[in-house]
C-alpha cells in the first residue's frame, strides 16, 4: 500500500474509534435519562397516591359533615314552609 492510503486508513480507523466512544457516551446518557425520567414519574405518581391515602379520612369526614349540613338545611327549609305566612297571622289577630 502507498503511504497516503495507509495514512487515510489509519485516520479513518482513529475517527471511527472516536465516534464509537462518543456514541457509547450518548447511549449511556440516554439510559440514565430514561432512568431518571422513570424515577421522576414514579415519585410524582407515588406522592399523589400517598397524599390520597393520607387525606382520605379527612375527605370522608368532610363529605359526611357536608351531607349532614345539607340534611339539616333541608329540614329547616321544610319547617319554614310549614310556618304560616305573617299576613295570615296578622289577619287572625285582628
N, C-alpha and C. Protein backbone atom coordinates (compact mmCIF):
# COMPACT_ATOMS: atom_id res chain seq x y z
N UNK A 1 0.83 -1.18 0.00
CA UNK A 1 0.00 0.00 0.00
C UNK A 1 0.88 1.24 0.00
N UNK A 2 0.31 2.25 -0.55
CA UNK A 2 1.03 3.51 -0.54
C UNK A 2 0.89 4.17 0.82
N UNK A 3 1.79 5.06 1.13
CA UNK A 3 1.76 5.71 2.43
C UNK A 3 0.54 6.62 2.57
N UNK A 4 0.07 7.22 1.49
CA UNK A 4 -1.12 8.08 1.53
C UNK A 4 -2.36 7.27 1.86
N UNK A 5 -2.48 6.11 1.25
CA UNK A 5 -3.64 5.24 1.52
C UNK A 5 -3.59 4.71 2.94
N UNK A 6 -2.40 4.35 3.36
CA UNK A 6 -2.22 3.83 4.71
C UNK A 6 -2.58 4.90 5.74
N UNK A 7 -2.17 6.13 5.48
CA UNK A 7 -2.48 7.26 6.38
C UNK A 7 -3.99 7.48 6.43
N UNK A 8 -4.67 7.42 5.31
CA UNK A 8 -6.13 7.59 5.27
C UNK A 8 -6.84 6.48 6.04
N UNK A 9 -6.35 5.26 5.91
CA UNK A 9 -6.95 4.14 6.63
C UNK A 9 -6.76 4.33 8.13
N UNK A 10 -5.58 4.76 8.55
CA UNK A 10 -5.33 4.99 9.99
C UNK A 10 -6.20 6.13 10.50
N UNK A 11 -6.35 7.19 9.72
CA UNK A 11 -7.20 8.31 10.11
C UNK A 11 -8.65 7.86 10.24
N UNK A 12 -9.09 7.07 9.27
CA UNK A 12 -10.46 6.56 9.30
C UNK A 12 -10.69 5.67 10.51
N UNK A 13 -9.70 4.82 10.83
CA UNK A 13 -9.79 3.96 11.99
C UNK A 13 -9.84 4.79 13.27
N UNK A 14 -9.01 5.80 13.34
CA UNK A 14 -8.98 6.67 14.51
C UNK A 14 -10.30 7.42 14.66
N UNK A 15 -10.84 7.94 13.59
CA UNK A 15 -12.13 8.64 13.63
C UNK A 15 -13.27 7.70 14.02
N UNK A 16 -13.24 6.49 13.50
CA UNK A 16 -14.31 5.55 13.84
C UNK A 16 -14.23 5.15 15.31
N UNK A 17 -13.04 5.03 15.86
CA UNK A 17 -12.90 4.73 17.30
C UNK A 17 -13.41 5.91 18.14
N UNK A 18 -13.07 7.11 17.72
CA UNK A 18 -13.53 8.31 18.43
C UNK A 18 -15.06 8.41 18.36
N UNK A 19 -15.62 8.15 17.18
CA UNK A 19 -17.08 8.15 17.03
C UNK A 19 -17.72 7.09 17.90
N UNK A 20 -17.09 5.94 17.99
CA UNK A 20 -17.62 4.85 18.82
C UNK A 20 -17.66 5.28 20.28
N UNK A 21 -16.60 5.95 20.77
CA UNK A 21 -16.57 6.42 22.16
C UNK A 21 -17.69 7.44 22.38
N UNK A 22 -17.85 8.36 21.45
CA UNK A 22 -18.89 9.38 21.58
C UNK A 22 -20.27 8.74 21.57
N UNK A 23 -20.50 7.80 20.68
CA UNK A 23 -21.80 7.13 20.61
C UNK A 23 -22.10 6.34 21.88
N UNK A 24 -21.10 5.71 22.44
CA UNK A 24 -21.30 4.98 23.71
C UNK A 24 -21.66 5.94 24.84
N UNK A 25 -21.02 7.11 24.87
CA UNK A 25 -21.36 8.10 25.89
C UNK A 25 -22.78 8.59 25.70
N UNK A 26 -23.17 8.84 24.47
CA UNK A 26 -24.54 9.29 24.19
C UNK A 26 -25.54 8.21 24.62
N UNK A 27 -25.22 6.97 24.30
CA UNK A 27 -26.12 5.87 24.66
C UNK A 27 -26.25 5.75 26.18
N UNK A 28 -25.13 5.88 26.88
CA UNK A 28 -25.17 5.83 28.35
C UNK A 28 -25.98 6.99 28.92
N UNK A 29 -25.79 8.16 28.33
CA UNK A 29 -26.54 9.34 28.76
C UNK A 29 -28.04 9.14 28.55
N UNK A 30 -28.41 8.54 27.43
CA UNK A 30 -29.82 8.27 27.17
C UNK A 30 -30.40 7.27 28.18
N UNK A 31 -29.62 6.26 28.53
CA UNK A 31 -30.09 5.28 29.52
C UNK A 31 -30.34 5.96 30.86
N UNK A 32 -29.38 6.79 31.30
CA UNK A 32 -29.55 7.49 32.57
C UNK A 32 -30.74 8.45 32.49
N UNK A 33 -30.91 9.09 31.36
CA UNK A 33 -32.06 9.98 31.19
C UNK A 33 -33.38 9.24 31.32
N UNK A 34 -33.47 8.08 30.70
CA UNK A 34 -34.69 7.27 30.81
C UNK A 34 -34.92 6.83 32.26
N UNK A 35 -33.85 6.43 32.94
CA UNK A 35 -33.97 6.00 34.33
C UNK A 35 -34.49 7.13 35.20
N UNK A 36 -33.91 8.34 35.05
CA UNK A 36 -34.34 9.46 35.88
C UNK A 36 -35.74 9.93 35.52
N UNK A 37 -36.12 9.84 34.27
CA UNK A 37 -37.49 10.20 33.89
C UNK A 37 -38.49 9.21 34.50
N UNK A 38 -38.15 7.93 34.49
CA UNK A 38 -39.00 6.92 35.12
C UNK A 38 -39.10 7.17 36.61
N UNK A 39 -37.95 7.45 37.26
CA UNK A 39 -37.94 7.72 38.70
C UNK A 39 -38.75 8.97 39.02
N UNK A 40 -38.65 10.00 38.17
CA UNK A 40 -39.41 11.23 38.35
C UNK A 40 -40.91 10.95 38.36
N UNK A 41 -41.38 10.24 37.35
CA UNK A 41 -42.82 9.95 37.28
C UNK A 41 -43.26 9.00 38.40
N UNK A 42 -42.39 8.09 38.78
CA UNK A 42 -42.71 7.20 39.89
C UNK A 42 -42.90 8.00 41.17
N UNK A 43 -42.05 8.98 41.40
CA UNK A 43 -42.18 9.83 42.58
C UNK A 43 -43.45 10.67 42.51
N UNK A 44 -43.75 11.23 41.34
CA UNK A 44 -44.96 12.05 41.19
C UNK A 44 -46.21 11.22 41.46
N UNK A 45 -46.31 10.07 40.83
CA UNK A 45 -47.50 9.22 40.98
C UNK A 45 -47.57 8.65 42.40
N UNK A 46 -46.42 8.26 42.93
CA UNK A 46 -46.39 7.75 44.30
C UNK A 46 -46.80 8.80 45.32
N UNK A 47 -46.36 10.04 45.11
CA UNK A 47 -46.74 11.13 46.02
C UNK A 47 -48.24 11.38 45.96
N UNK A 48 -48.79 11.36 44.76
CA UNK A 48 -50.24 11.58 44.62
C UNK A 48 -51.02 10.46 45.31
N UNK A 49 -50.59 9.23 45.13
CA UNK A 49 -51.27 8.10 45.77
C UNK A 49 -51.12 8.19 47.29
N UNK A 50 -49.93 8.54 47.75
CA UNK A 50 -49.70 8.67 49.19
C UNK A 50 -50.53 9.80 49.79
N UNK A 51 -50.63 10.92 49.08
CA UNK A 51 -51.44 12.04 49.57
C UNK A 51 -52.90 11.64 49.64
N UNK A 52 -53.37 10.92 48.64
CA UNK A 52 -54.77 10.46 48.66
C UNK A 52 -55.00 9.52 49.84
N UNK A 53 -54.07 8.59 50.05
CA UNK A 53 -54.20 7.64 51.16
C UNK A 53 -54.19 8.37 52.49
N UNK A 54 -53.32 9.39 52.62
CA UNK A 54 -53.22 10.13 53.86
C UNK A 54 -54.44 11.03 54.09
N UNK A 55 -54.94 11.66 53.04
CA UNK A 55 -56.03 12.62 53.18
C UNK A 55 -57.42 12.00 53.07
N UNK A 56 -57.51 10.75 52.71
CA UNK A 56 -58.81 10.11 52.53
C UNK A 56 -59.70 10.19 53.77
N UNK A 57 -59.20 9.93 54.99
CA UNK A 57 -60.09 10.04 56.16
C UNK A 57 -60.64 11.47 56.34
N UNK A 58 -59.80 12.47 56.09
CA UNK A 58 -60.26 13.85 56.22
C UNK A 58 -61.31 14.18 55.16
N UNK A 59 -61.11 13.70 53.97
CA UNK A 59 -62.07 13.94 52.89
C UNK A 59 -63.40 13.26 53.21
N UNK A 60 -63.33 12.02 53.70
CA UNK A 60 -64.56 11.30 54.04
C UNK A 60 -65.33 12.01 55.16
N UNK A 61 -64.62 12.45 56.19
CA UNK A 61 -65.32 13.12 57.30
C UNK A 61 -65.89 14.45 56.83
N UNK A 62 -65.20 15.16 55.97
CA UNK A 62 -65.73 16.42 55.44
C UNK A 62 -66.97 16.17 54.59
N UNK A 63 -66.94 15.11 53.81
CA UNK A 63 -68.10 14.78 52.99
C UNK A 63 -69.30 14.42 53.86
N UNK A 64 -69.07 13.65 54.92
CA UNK A 64 -70.16 13.30 55.82
C UNK A 64 -70.71 14.54 56.51
N UNK A 65 -69.83 15.45 56.92
CA UNK A 65 -70.26 16.69 57.56
C UNK A 65 -71.11 17.52 56.60
N UNK A 66 -70.68 17.62 55.35
CA UNK A 66 -71.46 18.36 54.36
C UNK A 66 -72.81 17.72 54.10
N UNK A 67 -72.87 16.40 54.09
CA UNK A 67 -74.15 15.72 53.89
C UNK A 67 -75.09 15.98 55.06
N UNK A 68 -74.53 15.95 56.27
CA UNK A 68 -75.33 16.23 57.46
C UNK A 68 -75.83 17.67 57.43
N UNK A 69 -74.95 18.60 57.06
CA UNK A 69 -75.33 20.01 56.97
C UNK A 69 -76.42 20.19 55.91
N UNK A 70 -76.30 19.52 54.80
CA UNK A 70 -77.30 19.61 53.74
C UNK A 70 -78.65 19.08 54.24
N UNK A 71 -78.63 17.99 54.98
CA UNK A 71 -79.85 17.43 55.54
C UNK A 71 -80.48 18.41 56.53
N UNK A 72 -79.66 19.03 57.38
CA UNK A 72 -80.17 19.99 58.36
C UNK A 72 -80.77 21.21 57.67
N UNK A 73 -80.12 21.70 56.63
CA UNK A 73 -80.65 22.84 55.89
C UNK A 73 -81.98 22.48 55.25
N UNK A 74 -82.09 21.29 54.72
CA UNK A 74 -83.34 20.83 54.12
C UNK A 74 -84.45 20.76 55.16
N UNK A 75 -84.12 20.31 56.38
CA UNK A 75 -85.12 20.25 57.45
C UNK A 75 -85.59 21.65 57.83
N UNK A 76 -84.67 22.60 57.91
CA UNK A 76 -85.03 23.98 58.26
C UNK A 76 -85.92 24.56 57.16
N UNK A 77 -85.62 24.28 55.92
CA UNK A 77 -86.46 24.78 54.83
C UNK A 77 -87.84 24.15 54.89
N UNK A 78 -87.92 22.86 55.23
CA UNK A 78 -89.23 22.21 55.36
C UNK A 78 -90.02 22.81 56.51
N UNK A 79 -89.37 23.11 57.61
CA UNK A 79 -90.06 23.73 58.75
C UNK A 79 -90.53 25.13 58.37
N UNK A 80 -89.69 25.86 57.63
CA UNK A 80 -90.06 27.21 57.18
C UNK A 80 -91.26 27.18 56.27
N UNK A 81 -91.41 26.15 55.51
CA UNK A 81 -92.57 26.03 54.62
C UNK A 81 -93.84 25.73 55.38
N UNK A 82 -93.75 25.15 56.57
CA UNK A 82 -94.92 24.80 57.37
C UNK A 82 -95.43 25.97 58.20
N UNK A 83 -94.56 26.95 58.45
CA UNK A 83 -94.98 28.11 59.22
C UNK A 83 -95.89 28.96 58.33
N UNK A 84 -97.04 29.37 58.87
CA UNK A 84 -97.95 30.17 58.05
C UNK A 84 -97.35 31.54 57.74
N UNK A 85 -97.88 32.13 56.70
CA UNK A 85 -97.41 33.44 56.28
C UNK A 85 -97.77 34.47 57.34
N UNK A 86 -96.93 35.51 57.49
CA UNK A 86 -97.15 36.51 58.54
C UNK A 86 -98.43 37.30 58.31
N UNK A 87 -98.82 37.47 57.05
CA UNK A 87 -100.07 38.21 56.77
C UNK A 87 -101.29 37.44 57.29
N UNK A 88 -101.26 36.12 57.14
CA UNK A 88 -102.38 35.34 57.66
C UNK A 88 -102.39 35.36 59.18
N UNK A 89 -101.25 35.43 59.80
CA UNK A 89 -101.20 35.53 61.25
C UNK A 89 -101.76 36.87 61.73
N UNK A 90 -101.42 37.94 61.02
CA UNK A 90 -101.91 39.27 61.40
C UNK A 90 -103.43 39.37 61.19
N UNK A 91 -103.95 38.75 60.13
CA UNK A 91 -105.39 38.74 59.92
C UNK A 91 -106.11 37.97 61.02
N UNK A 92 -105.45 36.94 61.50
CA UNK A 92 -106.06 36.13 62.55
C UNK A 92 -106.08 36.88 63.87
N UNK A 93 -105.13 37.76 64.11
CA UNK A 93 -105.06 38.50 65.33
C UNK A 93 -106.10 39.62 65.35
N UNK A 94 -106.39 40.24 64.20
CA UNK A 94 -107.34 41.34 64.12
C UNK A 94 -108.71 40.83 64.26
